[in-house]
Amino acid sequence: MSEFHPETRLPPEVIEAFISSALIAVQELAHCEAVPGGLATPPLTFPGNSTIAAMRLLRRLPGTLTLIVPAEVAFHLARGYLPEGADLTHDIVDDVVGEFANVIAGQTKTVLKGSPYHFALSLPAVSRAPYAPQVEDTALVLITPAGPLWLVVVLPPCDGA
C-alpha cells in the first residue's frame, strides 16, 4: 500500500495522476505552458471571480473533483482552446472550464484504472458561486502564465485499500 500524502490523504500516484492529467489538458487543449505549483493547504481562499467546475467521482465511496479557475486564467485558457476570433462570453468561458474539468477527470480515470482509486464520471456542474472549502481540503496547484488554478480532490480509497 502506498503512503498517503499527509496534507491530502491521497497517495503520491493519485496526486501525480491528477497533476499530470491537468498539465496535459492545459498544454494540449489551450496550447499554454503550465507547471505544478505544489499544494495549497488549509485554510484555503480563492479569488471571488473564479469559475468553479465540480464533478462527482462515482464509485462505492464517492469523491469529488473541483476545478477552480480565476477569471483571467479562464479567459486565457479559453483564448488558447477556442478558434481565433471566437466570442469569449462568460458563458463560453464557463463551458471551457467545464470541458477542462471533464478532460482532467477522464484522463485521470484512465490512469487510475484497476487501482482502488478508479472512478466513473458525472458531468461537471459549472458556476461562479464562491467555493467554500471544507476544513480538510487541500488543493493541487498549477501555475500558468496568466496565474494559478486549483484542483481540489476528495477521493477515498475503495476495495480494501
N, C-alpha and C. Protein backbone atom coordinates (compact mmCIF):
# COMPACT_ATOMS: atom_id res chain seq x y z
N MET A 1 0.85 -1.18 0.00
CA MET A 1 0.00 0.00 0.00
C MET A 1 0.88 1.24 0.00
N SER A 2 0.51 2.23 -0.79
CA SER A 2 1.28 3.47 -0.88
C SER A 2 1.12 4.30 0.38
N GLU A 3 2.10 5.11 0.63
CA GLU A 3 1.97 6.06 1.73
C GLU A 3 1.08 7.21 1.28
N PHE A 4 0.30 7.74 2.21
CA PHE A 4 -0.56 8.86 1.88
C PHE A 4 0.20 10.16 2.08
N HIS A 5 -0.08 11.11 1.20
CA HIS A 5 0.49 12.43 1.39
C HIS A 5 -0.24 13.04 2.58
N PRO A 6 0.48 13.50 3.62
CA PRO A 6 -0.20 13.91 4.85
C PRO A 6 -1.20 15.04 4.67
N GLU A 7 -0.96 15.95 3.73
CA GLU A 7 -1.90 17.06 3.58
C GLU A 7 -3.13 16.69 2.77
N THR A 8 -3.07 15.68 1.93
CA THR A 8 -4.20 15.39 1.05
C THR A 8 -4.90 14.09 1.36
N ARG A 9 -4.29 13.23 2.13
CA ARG A 9 -4.81 11.89 2.37
C ARG A 9 -4.87 11.08 1.09
N LEU A 10 -4.13 11.49 0.08
CA LEU A 10 -4.05 10.78 -1.19
C LEU A 10 -2.64 10.25 -1.38
N PRO A 11 -2.51 9.04 -1.94
CA PRO A 11 -1.17 8.53 -2.21
C PRO A 11 -0.52 9.30 -3.37
N PRO A 12 0.80 9.29 -3.44
CA PRO A 12 1.51 10.05 -4.47
C PRO A 12 1.06 9.72 -5.90
N GLU A 13 0.73 8.45 -6.17
CA GLU A 13 0.34 8.10 -7.55
C GLU A 13 -0.99 8.74 -7.93
N VAL A 14 -1.87 8.98 -6.97
CA VAL A 14 -3.14 9.64 -7.27
C VAL A 14 -2.91 11.14 -7.50
N ILE A 15 -2.10 11.74 -6.65
CA ILE A 15 -1.75 13.16 -6.84
C ILE A 15 -1.10 13.34 -8.21
N GLU A 16 -0.15 12.47 -8.53
CA GLU A 16 0.55 12.56 -9.82
C GLU A 16 -0.42 12.39 -10.98
N ALA A 17 -1.38 11.47 -10.85
CA ALA A 17 -2.34 11.25 -11.94
C ALA A 17 -3.16 12.51 -12.21
N PHE A 18 -3.64 13.16 -11.16
CA PHE A 18 -4.43 14.38 -11.35
C PHE A 18 -3.56 15.52 -11.88
N ILE A 19 -2.36 15.69 -11.32
CA ILE A 19 -1.48 16.78 -11.79
C ILE A 19 -1.08 16.57 -13.25
N SER A 20 -0.64 15.37 -13.60
CA SER A 20 -0.20 15.14 -14.98
C SER A 20 -1.37 15.28 -15.95
N SER A 21 -2.56 14.83 -15.56
CA SER A 21 -3.73 14.99 -16.42
C SER A 21 -4.07 16.47 -16.62
N ALA A 22 -3.98 17.25 -15.56
CA ALA A 22 -4.25 18.69 -15.66
C ALA A 22 -3.21 19.39 -16.52
N LEU A 23 -1.94 19.04 -16.34
CA LEU A 23 -0.88 19.64 -17.16
C LEU A 23 -1.10 19.33 -18.64
N ILE A 24 -1.41 18.08 -18.94
CA ILE A 24 -1.65 17.69 -20.33
C ILE A 24 -2.85 18.45 -20.89
N ALA A 25 -3.92 18.54 -20.13
CA ALA A 25 -5.11 19.25 -20.60
C ALA A 25 -4.80 20.71 -20.92
N VAL A 26 -4.12 21.39 -20.01
CA VAL A 26 -3.80 22.81 -20.24
C VAL A 26 -2.86 22.96 -21.43
N GLN A 27 -1.84 22.13 -21.48
CA GLN A 27 -0.84 22.27 -22.56
C GLN A 27 -1.41 21.89 -23.92
N GLU A 28 -2.18 20.80 -23.99
CA GLU A 28 -2.66 20.33 -25.29
C GLU A 28 -3.94 21.02 -25.74
N LEU A 29 -4.85 21.32 -24.83
CA LEU A 29 -6.10 21.95 -25.24
C LEU A 29 -5.96 23.46 -25.41
N ALA A 30 -5.24 24.09 -24.51
CA ALA A 30 -5.14 25.56 -24.55
C ALA A 30 -3.83 26.05 -25.15
N HIS A 31 -2.94 25.10 -25.50
CA HIS A 31 -1.63 25.48 -26.05
C HIS A 31 -0.94 26.49 -25.13
N CYS A 32 -0.97 26.16 -23.85
CA CYS A 32 -0.47 27.05 -22.81
C CYS A 32 0.47 26.26 -21.90
N GLU A 33 1.59 26.82 -21.58
CA GLU A 33 2.50 26.15 -20.66
C GLU A 33 1.94 26.21 -19.24
N ALA A 34 2.19 25.17 -18.50
CA ALA A 34 1.78 25.12 -17.10
C ALA A 34 2.80 24.28 -16.35
N VAL A 35 2.96 24.59 -15.08
CA VAL A 35 3.88 23.82 -14.23
C VAL A 35 3.18 23.53 -12.91
N PRO A 36 3.54 22.41 -12.27
CA PRO A 36 2.96 22.14 -10.95
C PRO A 36 3.38 23.22 -9.96
N GLY A 37 2.45 23.62 -9.12
CA GLY A 37 2.74 24.65 -8.14
C GLY A 37 2.70 24.16 -6.71
N GLY A 38 2.65 22.84 -6.53
CA GLY A 38 2.64 22.30 -5.18
C GLY A 38 1.24 22.17 -4.62
N LEU A 39 1.16 22.22 -3.31
CA LEU A 39 -0.11 22.07 -2.61
C LEU A 39 -0.47 23.35 -1.89
N ALA A 40 -1.74 23.70 -1.95
CA ALA A 40 -2.27 24.79 -1.13
C ALA A 40 -3.03 24.12 0.00
N THR A 41 -2.58 24.35 1.21
CA THR A 41 -3.17 23.67 2.36
C THR A 41 -4.08 24.62 3.14
N PRO A 42 -4.96 24.06 3.95
CA PRO A 42 -5.91 24.88 4.72
C PRO A 42 -5.19 25.90 5.58
N PRO A 43 -5.79 27.05 5.77
CA PRO A 43 -7.09 27.48 5.25
C PRO A 43 -6.96 27.94 3.80
N LEU A 44 -7.87 27.50 2.94
CA LEU A 44 -7.84 27.83 1.53
C LEU A 44 -8.72 29.04 1.25
N THR A 45 -8.22 29.91 0.39
CA THR A 45 -9.03 31.02 -0.11
C THR A 45 -8.79 31.10 -1.61
N PHE A 46 -9.84 31.45 -2.34
CA PHE A 46 -9.76 31.54 -3.79
C PHE A 46 -10.35 32.87 -4.24
N PRO A 47 -9.89 33.39 -5.39
CA PRO A 47 -10.45 34.64 -5.89
C PRO A 47 -11.96 34.53 -6.09
N GLY A 48 -12.68 35.56 -5.72
CA GLY A 48 -14.13 35.56 -5.85
C GLY A 48 -14.63 35.57 -7.28
N ASN A 49 -13.76 35.90 -8.23
CA ASN A 49 -14.18 35.97 -9.63
C ASN A 49 -13.88 34.66 -10.36
N SER A 50 -13.78 33.57 -9.64
CA SER A 50 -13.41 32.29 -10.23
C SER A 50 -14.60 31.56 -10.83
N THR A 51 -14.30 30.76 -11.85
CA THR A 51 -15.26 29.80 -12.37
C THR A 51 -14.96 28.47 -11.70
N ILE A 52 -16.00 27.83 -11.19
CA ILE A 52 -15.87 26.58 -10.44
C ILE A 52 -16.53 25.48 -11.27
N ALA A 53 -15.78 24.42 -11.57
CA ALA A 53 -16.35 23.24 -12.24
C ALA A 53 -16.21 22.08 -11.27
N ALA A 54 -17.34 21.56 -10.80
CA ALA A 54 -17.34 20.48 -9.82
C ALA A 54 -17.88 19.21 -10.46
N MET A 55 -17.20 18.10 -10.18
CA MET A 55 -17.61 16.81 -10.72
C MET A 55 -17.67 15.80 -9.58
N ARG A 56 -18.68 14.95 -9.62
CA ARG A 56 -18.72 13.83 -8.70
C ARG A 56 -17.92 12.70 -9.32
N LEU A 57 -17.09 12.07 -8.52
CA LEU A 57 -16.33 10.91 -8.94
C LEU A 57 -17.08 9.71 -8.38
N LEU A 58 -17.76 9.00 -9.26
CA LEU A 58 -18.74 8.00 -8.86
C LEU A 58 -18.08 6.65 -8.61
N ARG A 59 -18.39 6.09 -7.42
CA ARG A 59 -17.88 4.79 -7.01
C ARG A 59 -18.52 4.44 -5.68
N ARG A 60 -18.15 3.28 -5.12
CA ARG A 60 -18.76 2.85 -3.84
C ARG A 60 -18.56 3.92 -2.77
N LEU A 61 -17.35 4.46 -2.64
CA LEU A 61 -17.08 5.61 -1.77
C LEU A 61 -16.84 6.80 -2.69
N PRO A 62 -17.87 7.59 -2.97
CA PRO A 62 -17.74 8.66 -3.97
C PRO A 62 -16.75 9.73 -3.55
N GLY A 63 -16.28 10.43 -4.56
CA GLY A 63 -15.36 11.54 -4.35
C GLY A 63 -15.79 12.74 -5.16
N THR A 64 -14.96 13.76 -5.16
CA THR A 64 -15.24 14.96 -5.94
C THR A 64 -13.94 15.51 -6.53
N LEU A 65 -14.08 16.15 -7.67
CA LEU A 65 -13.02 16.95 -8.27
C LEU A 65 -13.62 18.33 -8.47
N THR A 66 -12.97 19.34 -7.93
CA THR A 66 -13.41 20.72 -8.12
C THR A 66 -12.26 21.49 -8.73
N LEU A 67 -12.49 22.03 -9.93
CA LEU A 67 -11.52 22.85 -10.63
C LEU A 67 -11.90 24.30 -10.41
N ILE A 68 -10.96 25.07 -9.87
CA ILE A 68 -11.21 26.48 -9.54
C ILE A 68 -10.26 27.32 -10.40
N VAL A 69 -10.87 28.15 -11.27
CA VAL A 69 -10.08 28.91 -12.24
C VAL A 69 -10.47 30.39 -12.16
N PRO A 70 -9.55 31.27 -11.71
CA PRO A 70 -9.85 32.70 -11.69
C PRO A 70 -10.19 33.21 -13.09
N ALA A 71 -10.99 34.27 -13.15
CA ALA A 71 -11.49 34.79 -14.42
C ALA A 71 -10.38 35.02 -15.44
N GLU A 72 -9.28 35.67 -15.04
CA GLU A 72 -8.24 35.99 -16.02
C GLU A 72 -7.57 34.73 -16.56
N VAL A 73 -7.44 33.71 -15.74
CA VAL A 73 -6.87 32.43 -16.18
C VAL A 73 -7.87 31.72 -17.09
N ALA A 74 -9.14 31.74 -16.73
CA ALA A 74 -10.17 31.09 -17.54
C ALA A 74 -10.22 31.71 -18.94
N PHE A 75 -10.15 33.04 -19.03
CA PHE A 75 -10.16 33.70 -20.34
C PHE A 75 -8.90 33.36 -21.13
N HIS A 76 -7.77 33.26 -20.47
CA HIS A 76 -6.51 32.89 -21.12
C HIS A 76 -6.62 31.47 -21.69
N LEU A 77 -7.14 30.53 -20.90
CA LEU A 77 -7.29 29.15 -21.37
C LEU A 77 -8.29 29.08 -22.54
N ALA A 78 -9.39 29.82 -22.43
CA ALA A 78 -10.40 29.81 -23.49
C ALA A 78 -9.84 30.38 -24.79
N ARG A 79 -9.02 31.43 -24.72
CA ARG A 79 -8.39 32.00 -25.92
C ARG A 79 -7.51 30.97 -26.61
N GLY A 80 -6.81 30.16 -25.84
CA GLY A 80 -5.97 29.13 -26.43
C GLY A 80 -6.74 27.93 -26.94
N TYR A 81 -7.89 27.67 -26.36
CA TYR A 81 -8.68 26.48 -26.69
C TYR A 81 -9.60 26.72 -27.89
N LEU A 82 -10.22 27.87 -27.95
CA LEU A 82 -11.20 28.16 -28.99
C LEU A 82 -10.53 28.74 -30.24
N PRO A 83 -11.21 28.66 -31.38
CA PRO A 83 -10.64 29.22 -32.61
C PRO A 83 -10.41 30.73 -32.46
N GLU A 84 -9.40 31.21 -33.15
CA GLU A 84 -9.09 32.64 -33.11
C GLU A 84 -10.31 33.44 -33.53
N GLY A 85 -10.60 34.49 -32.80
CA GLY A 85 -11.73 35.35 -33.10
C GLY A 85 -13.03 34.92 -32.45
N ALA A 86 -13.03 33.81 -31.71
CA ALA A 86 -14.25 33.35 -31.04
C ALA A 86 -14.69 34.39 -30.01
N ASP A 87 -15.99 34.56 -29.88
CA ASP A 87 -16.56 35.50 -28.93
C ASP A 87 -16.47 34.89 -27.53
N LEU A 88 -15.65 35.46 -26.68
CA LEU A 88 -15.42 34.91 -25.34
C LEU A 88 -16.38 35.52 -24.33
N THR A 89 -17.61 35.08 -24.38
CA THR A 89 -18.59 35.50 -23.39
C THR A 89 -18.33 34.72 -22.09
N HIS A 90 -18.92 35.18 -21.01
CA HIS A 90 -18.77 34.46 -19.74
C HIS A 90 -19.31 33.04 -19.85
N ASP A 91 -20.42 32.86 -20.56
CA ASP A 91 -20.99 31.52 -20.70
C ASP A 91 -20.04 30.60 -21.47
N ILE A 92 -19.44 31.10 -22.52
CA ILE A 92 -18.50 30.28 -23.31
C ILE A 92 -17.28 29.94 -22.46
N VAL A 93 -16.75 30.90 -21.73
CA VAL A 93 -15.59 30.65 -20.87
C VAL A 93 -15.94 29.63 -19.79
N ASP A 94 -17.13 29.74 -19.22
CA ASP A 94 -17.57 28.76 -18.23
C ASP A 94 -17.63 27.36 -18.85
N ASP A 95 -18.14 27.27 -20.08
CA ASP A 95 -18.20 25.97 -20.77
C ASP A 95 -16.80 25.39 -20.97
N VAL A 96 -15.84 26.25 -21.29
CA VAL A 96 -14.46 25.79 -21.48
C VAL A 96 -13.91 25.24 -20.17
N VAL A 97 -14.15 25.92 -19.06
CA VAL A 97 -13.67 25.43 -17.76
C VAL A 97 -14.31 24.08 -17.45
N GLY A 98 -15.59 23.92 -17.74
CA GLY A 98 -16.25 22.63 -17.55
C GLY A 98 -15.63 21.55 -18.41
N GLU A 99 -15.29 21.89 -19.64
CA GLU A 99 -14.64 20.93 -20.53
C GLU A 99 -13.26 20.53 -20.00
N PHE A 100 -12.52 21.49 -19.48
CA PHE A 100 -11.20 21.18 -18.90
C PHE A 100 -11.36 20.22 -17.72
N ALA A 101 -12.34 20.46 -16.85
CA ALA A 101 -12.56 19.57 -15.71
C ALA A 101 -12.90 18.17 -16.21
N ASN A 102 -13.73 18.08 -17.24
CA ASN A 102 -14.13 16.80 -17.80
C ASN A 102 -12.92 16.04 -18.37
N VAL A 103 -12.06 16.74 -19.10
CA VAL A 103 -10.88 16.12 -19.68
C VAL A 103 -9.91 15.67 -18.59
N ILE A 104 -9.69 16.52 -17.60
CA ILE A 104 -8.79 16.17 -16.49
C ILE A 104 -9.30 14.91 -15.79
N ALA A 105 -10.58 14.89 -15.46
CA ALA A 105 -11.15 13.73 -14.77
C ALA A 105 -11.08 12.49 -15.66
N GLY A 106 -11.38 12.64 -16.93
CA GLY A 106 -11.35 11.49 -17.84
C GLY A 106 -9.97 10.90 -18.00
N GLN A 107 -8.96 11.75 -18.14
CA GLN A 107 -7.59 11.26 -18.25
C GLN A 107 -7.15 10.60 -16.95
N THR A 108 -7.51 11.19 -15.82
CA THR A 108 -7.13 10.62 -14.53
C THR A 108 -7.82 9.27 -14.33
N LYS A 109 -9.08 9.17 -14.70
CA LYS A 109 -9.82 7.91 -14.60
C LYS A 109 -9.08 6.80 -15.33
N THR A 110 -8.58 7.09 -16.52
CA THR A 110 -7.85 6.10 -17.30
C THR A 110 -6.57 5.69 -16.60
N VAL A 111 -5.83 6.65 -16.07
CA VAL A 111 -4.57 6.35 -15.38
C VAL A 111 -4.82 5.49 -14.14
N LEU A 112 -5.92 5.72 -13.45
CA LEU A 112 -6.19 5.02 -12.19
C LEU A 112 -6.97 3.71 -12.37
N LYS A 113 -7.24 3.32 -13.62
CA LYS A 113 -7.99 2.08 -13.86
C LYS A 113 -7.28 0.90 -13.19
N GLY A 114 -8.06 0.09 -12.51
CA GLY A 114 -7.52 -1.07 -11.82
C GLY A 114 -6.97 -0.79 -10.43
N SER A 115 -6.97 0.46 -10.02
CA SER A 115 -6.48 0.82 -8.68
C SER A 115 -7.67 1.03 -7.75
N PRO A 116 -7.43 1.10 -6.45
CA PRO A 116 -8.52 1.37 -5.50
C PRO A 116 -9.08 2.79 -5.62
N TYR A 117 -8.52 3.59 -6.53
CA TYR A 117 -8.97 4.97 -6.70
C TYR A 117 -9.71 5.19 -8.02
N HIS A 118 -9.95 4.12 -8.78
CA HIS A 118 -10.66 4.25 -10.05
C HIS A 118 -12.07 4.75 -9.80
N PHE A 119 -12.62 5.50 -10.75
CA PHE A 119 -13.95 6.09 -10.59
C PHE A 119 -14.63 6.21 -11.94
N ALA A 120 -15.92 6.44 -11.92
CA ALA A 120 -16.71 6.83 -13.09
C ALA A 120 -16.99 8.33 -12.95
N LEU A 121 -17.43 8.94 -14.03
CA LEU A 121 -17.59 10.40 -14.04
C LEU A 121 -19.04 10.85 -14.04
N SER A 122 -19.26 12.01 -13.47
CA SER A 122 -20.51 12.73 -13.66
C SER A 122 -20.21 13.88 -14.62
N LEU A 123 -21.22 14.56 -15.06
CA LEU A 123 -21.00 15.77 -15.84
C LEU A 123 -20.57 16.89 -14.89
N PRO A 124 -19.74 17.81 -15.36
CA PRO A 124 -19.36 18.92 -14.48
C PRO A 124 -20.52 19.89 -14.27
N ALA A 125 -20.62 20.39 -13.06
CA ALA A 125 -21.55 21.47 -12.74
C ALA A 125 -20.70 22.73 -12.63
N VAL A 126 -20.98 23.71 -13.45
CA VAL A 126 -20.15 24.91 -13.53
C VAL A 126 -20.91 26.09 -12.95
N SER A 127 -20.21 26.87 -12.11
CA SER A 127 -20.84 28.05 -11.51
C SER A 127 -19.79 29.12 -11.26
N ARG A 128 -20.28 30.26 -10.88
CA ARG A 128 -19.42 31.35 -10.44
C ARG A 128 -19.67 31.67 -8.98
N ALA A 129 -20.34 30.78 -8.30
CA ALA A 129 -20.59 30.95 -6.87
C ALA A 129 -19.27 30.78 -6.13
N PRO A 130 -19.09 31.47 -5.03
CA PRO A 130 -17.85 31.29 -4.27
C PRO A 130 -17.69 29.83 -3.83
N TYR A 131 -16.48 29.34 -3.88
CA TYR A 131 -16.20 27.98 -3.43
C TYR A 131 -15.91 28.02 -1.95
N ALA A 132 -16.65 27.24 -1.19
CA ALA A 132 -16.45 27.17 0.26
C ALA A 132 -15.70 25.89 0.58
N PRO A 133 -14.37 25.97 0.74
CA PRO A 133 -13.61 24.74 1.01
C PRO A 133 -13.98 24.15 2.36
N GLN A 134 -13.86 22.83 2.42
CA GLN A 134 -14.03 22.14 3.69
C GLN A 134 -12.76 22.33 4.50
N VAL A 135 -12.84 22.15 5.78
CA VAL A 135 -11.69 22.38 6.65
C VAL A 135 -10.49 21.55 6.22
N GLU A 136 -10.71 20.31 5.77
CA GLU A 136 -9.60 19.43 5.46
C GLU A 136 -9.16 19.50 4.00
N ASP A 137 -9.83 20.31 3.16
CA ASP A 137 -9.48 20.36 1.74
C ASP A 137 -8.06 20.85 1.51
N THR A 138 -7.39 20.19 0.60
CA THR A 138 -6.09 20.61 0.10
C THR A 138 -6.20 20.70 -1.40
N ALA A 139 -5.62 21.72 -1.98
CA ALA A 139 -5.72 21.91 -3.42
C ALA A 139 -4.37 21.66 -4.08
N LEU A 140 -4.42 20.99 -5.23
CA LEU A 140 -3.25 20.82 -6.08
C LEU A 140 -3.22 22.06 -6.97
N VAL A 141 -2.06 22.70 -7.07
CA VAL A 141 -1.95 23.98 -7.77
C VAL A 141 -1.20 23.80 -9.07
N LEU A 142 -1.70 24.44 -10.13
CA LEU A 142 -0.98 24.54 -11.40
C LEU A 142 -0.77 26.01 -11.67
N ILE A 143 0.40 26.34 -12.18
CA ILE A 143 0.72 27.72 -12.49
C ILE A 143 0.77 27.88 -14.01
N THR A 144 0.01 28.83 -14.52
CA THR A 144 0.02 29.17 -15.95
C THR A 144 0.57 30.59 -16.09
N PRO A 145 0.89 31.01 -17.31
CA PRO A 145 1.35 32.40 -17.49
C PRO A 145 0.33 33.43 -17.02
N ALA A 146 -0.95 33.08 -17.02
CA ALA A 146 -1.99 34.02 -16.59
C ALA A 146 -2.25 33.95 -15.09
N GLY A 147 -1.69 32.95 -14.40
CA GLY A 147 -1.91 32.81 -12.97
C GLY A 147 -2.20 31.37 -12.59
N PRO A 148 -2.52 31.15 -11.31
CA PRO A 148 -2.75 29.78 -10.84
C PRO A 148 -4.18 29.30 -11.09
N LEU A 149 -4.32 27.98 -11.09
CA LEU A 149 -5.61 27.33 -10.99
C LEU A 149 -5.46 26.20 -10.00
N TRP A 150 -6.58 25.75 -9.44
CA TRP A 150 -6.53 24.77 -8.35
C TRP A 150 -7.43 23.59 -8.65
N LEU A 151 -6.98 22.42 -8.21
CA LEU A 151 -7.78 21.18 -8.25
C LEU A 151 -7.95 20.72 -6.80
N VAL A 152 -9.17 20.70 -6.35
CA VAL A 152 -9.45 20.16 -5.02
C VAL A 152 -10.01 18.75 -5.25
N VAL A 153 -9.29 17.75 -4.77
CA VAL A 153 -9.66 16.35 -5.00
C VAL A 153 -9.97 15.70 -3.66
N VAL A 154 -11.14 15.10 -3.58
CA VAL A 154 -11.52 14.29 -2.42
C VAL A 154 -11.82 12.91 -3.00
N LEU A 155 -11.01 11.92 -2.62
CA LEU A 155 -11.15 10.59 -3.22
C LEU A 155 -10.67 9.52 -2.25
N PRO A 156 -11.58 8.98 -1.44
CA PRO A 156 -11.16 7.91 -0.51
C PRO A 156 -10.89 6.63 -1.27
N PRO A 157 -9.99 5.78 -0.76
CA PRO A 157 -9.73 4.50 -1.43
C PRO A 157 -10.91 3.54 -1.26
N CYS A 158 -11.06 2.65 -2.21
CA CYS A 158 -12.10 1.61 -2.14
C CYS A 158 -11.45 0.25 -2.30
N ASP A 159 -12.25 -0.79 -2.17
CA ASP A 159 -11.85 -2.16 -2.46
C ASP A 159 -10.66 -2.62 -1.63
N GLY A 160 -10.71 -2.40 -0.35
CA GLY A 160 -9.71 -2.95 0.54
C GLY A 160 -8.41 -2.19 0.63
N ALA A 161 -8.30 -1.00 0.04
CA ALA A 161 -7.05 -0.23 0.11
C ALA A 161 -6.93 0.43 1.45
